[in-house]
Structures are given as C-alpha cells and as structure tokens.
C-alpha cells in the first residue's frame, strides 16, 4: 500500500475514533464531552489540510513544483490532453 493511501486511511480512522469517543462521552454525560466534540470538529478540518501539506512537501522533495498535482489519479499519465 502506498504512502498516500496509508495517510488517508489513518486520517479516516482518527476522525472516526474522535467522533465515536465524543458520542460515547456525551451518552455517559461526561463533563468534557463538549470539549472533545469541539476537538473532533477542529480535527475534521485540520487533519486533511495537514495531509495535503505533507503531500505538497513530498512533491518538493521529489523535485516537482510546490503546486504540482499531488493526487495519484492525475499522476498516472492517463488524463486527457486538450
């Protein structure tokens, strides 16, 4: 499995666990459940942005430009040329 898929899977697992723990703590009427929900909402935005930044830095390390495409479905050479 390549790095991009591993990072994407790790991000999905992290976000699901964060929301699941928020939900369980809310059901248990834990006093910190609101804070954990807020952390989950922040991570919903922060984690994908962080992964995208890692992919951009990976392009730079490979000698590509900073804003070159970072997604594999566009790197396989099968995109249509106009």
Protein backbone atom coordinates (compact mmCIF):
# COMPACT_ATOMS: atom_id res chain seq x y z
CA UNK A 1 0.00 0.00 0.00
CA UNK A 2 1.46 3.35 -0.94
CA UNK A 3 2.02 6.28 1.42
CA UNK A 4 -0.96 8.33 0.25
CA UNK A 5 -3.41 5.52 0.94
CA UNK A 6 -1.90 4.82 4.33
CA UNK A 7 -2.17 8.51 5.31
CA UNK A 8 -5.75 8.70 4.05
CA UNK A 9 -6.74 5.57 5.94
CA UNK A 10 -5.04 6.81 9.11
CA UNK A 11 -6.90 10.13 8.83
CA UNK A 12 -10.25 8.40 8.40
CA UNK A 13 -9.61 6.11 11.37
CA UNK A 14 -8.51 9.05 13.53
CA UNK A 15 -11.59 11.11 12.69
CA UNK A 16 -13.99 8.19 13.20
CA UNK A 17 -12.44 7.41 16.59
CA UNK A 18 -12.63 11.05 17.63
CA UNK A 19 -16.34 11.29 16.76
CA UNK A 20 -17.07 7.91 18.32
CA UNK A 21 -15.38 8.90 21.57
CA UNK A 22 -17.26 12.22 21.55
CA UNK A 23 -20.54 10.36 21.11
CA UNK A 24 -19.80 7.82 23.87
CA UNK A 25 -18.75 10.51 26.33
CA UNK A 26 -21.89 12.50 25.52
CA UNK A 27 -24.03 9.44 26.24
CA UNK A 28 -22.23 8.99 29.57
CA UNK A 29 -22.89 12.67 30.37
CA UNK A 30 -19.17 13.34 30.85
CA UNK A 31 -18.34 17.00 31.60
CA UNK A 32 -15.61 17.12 28.93
CA UNK A 33 -17.75 15.74 26.10
CA UNK A 34 -18.32 19.23 24.66
CA UNK A 35 -14.59 19.91 24.52
CA UNK A 36 -13.95 16.59 22.81
CA UNK A 37 -16.66 17.32 20.25
CA UNK A 38 -15.05 20.68 19.53
CA UNK A 39 -11.67 18.95 19.14
CA UNK A 40 -13.29 16.49 16.71
CA UNK A 41 -14.73 19.30 14.62
CA UNK A 42 -11.37 21.10 14.52
CA UNK A 43 -9.61 17.87 13.51
CA UNK A 44 -12.13 17.33 10.72
CA UNK A 45 -10.63 20.39 9.03
CA UNK A 46 -7.06 20.22 10.34
CA UNK A 47 -6.19 16.58 9.55
CA UNK A 48 -6.98 16.69 5.79
CA UNK A 49 -5.20 20.04 5.43
CA UNK A 50 -2.15 18.64 7.22
CA UNK A 51 -2.10 15.57 4.96
CA UNK A 52 -2.37 17.79 1.88
CA UNK A 53 0.59 19.86 3.12
CA UNK A 54 2.61 16.67 3.61
CA UNK A 55 1.82 15.65 0.03
CA UNK A 56 2.88 19.07 -1.25
CA UNK A 57 6.18 18.79 0.63
CA UNK A 58 6.64 15.31 -0.82
CA UNK A 59 6.38 16.84 -4.31
CA UNK A 60 9.05 19.39 -3.41
CA UNK A 61 11.37 16.66 -2.15
CA UNK A 62 10.87 14.77 -5.43
CA UNK A 63 11.91 17.86 -7.40
CA UNK A 64 8.45 18.87 -8.56
CA UNK A 65 6.95 22.28 -8.00
CA UNK A 66 5.17 23.14 -4.78
CA UNK A 67 1.80 23.48 -6.51
CA UNK A 68 2.08 20.50 -8.87
CA UNK A 69 -0.66 17.90 -8.65
CA UNK A 70 -0.41 15.79 -5.50
CA UNK A 71 -3.07 13.20 -6.27
CA UNK A 72 -2.22 9.86 -7.87
CA UNK A 73 -5.23 9.72 -10.20
CA UNK A 74 -3.71 12.65 -12.09
CA UNK A 75 -0.12 11.36 -11.99
CA UNK A 76 -0.67 8.08 -13.83
CA UNK A 77 -0.45 9.73 -17.26
CA UNK A 78 -3.94 8.69 -18.27
CA UNK A 79 -5.51 12.14 -18.09
CA UNK A 80 -6.83 13.60 -21.30
CA UNK A 81 -4.76 16.21 -23.07
CA UNK A 82 -6.64 19.01 -24.80
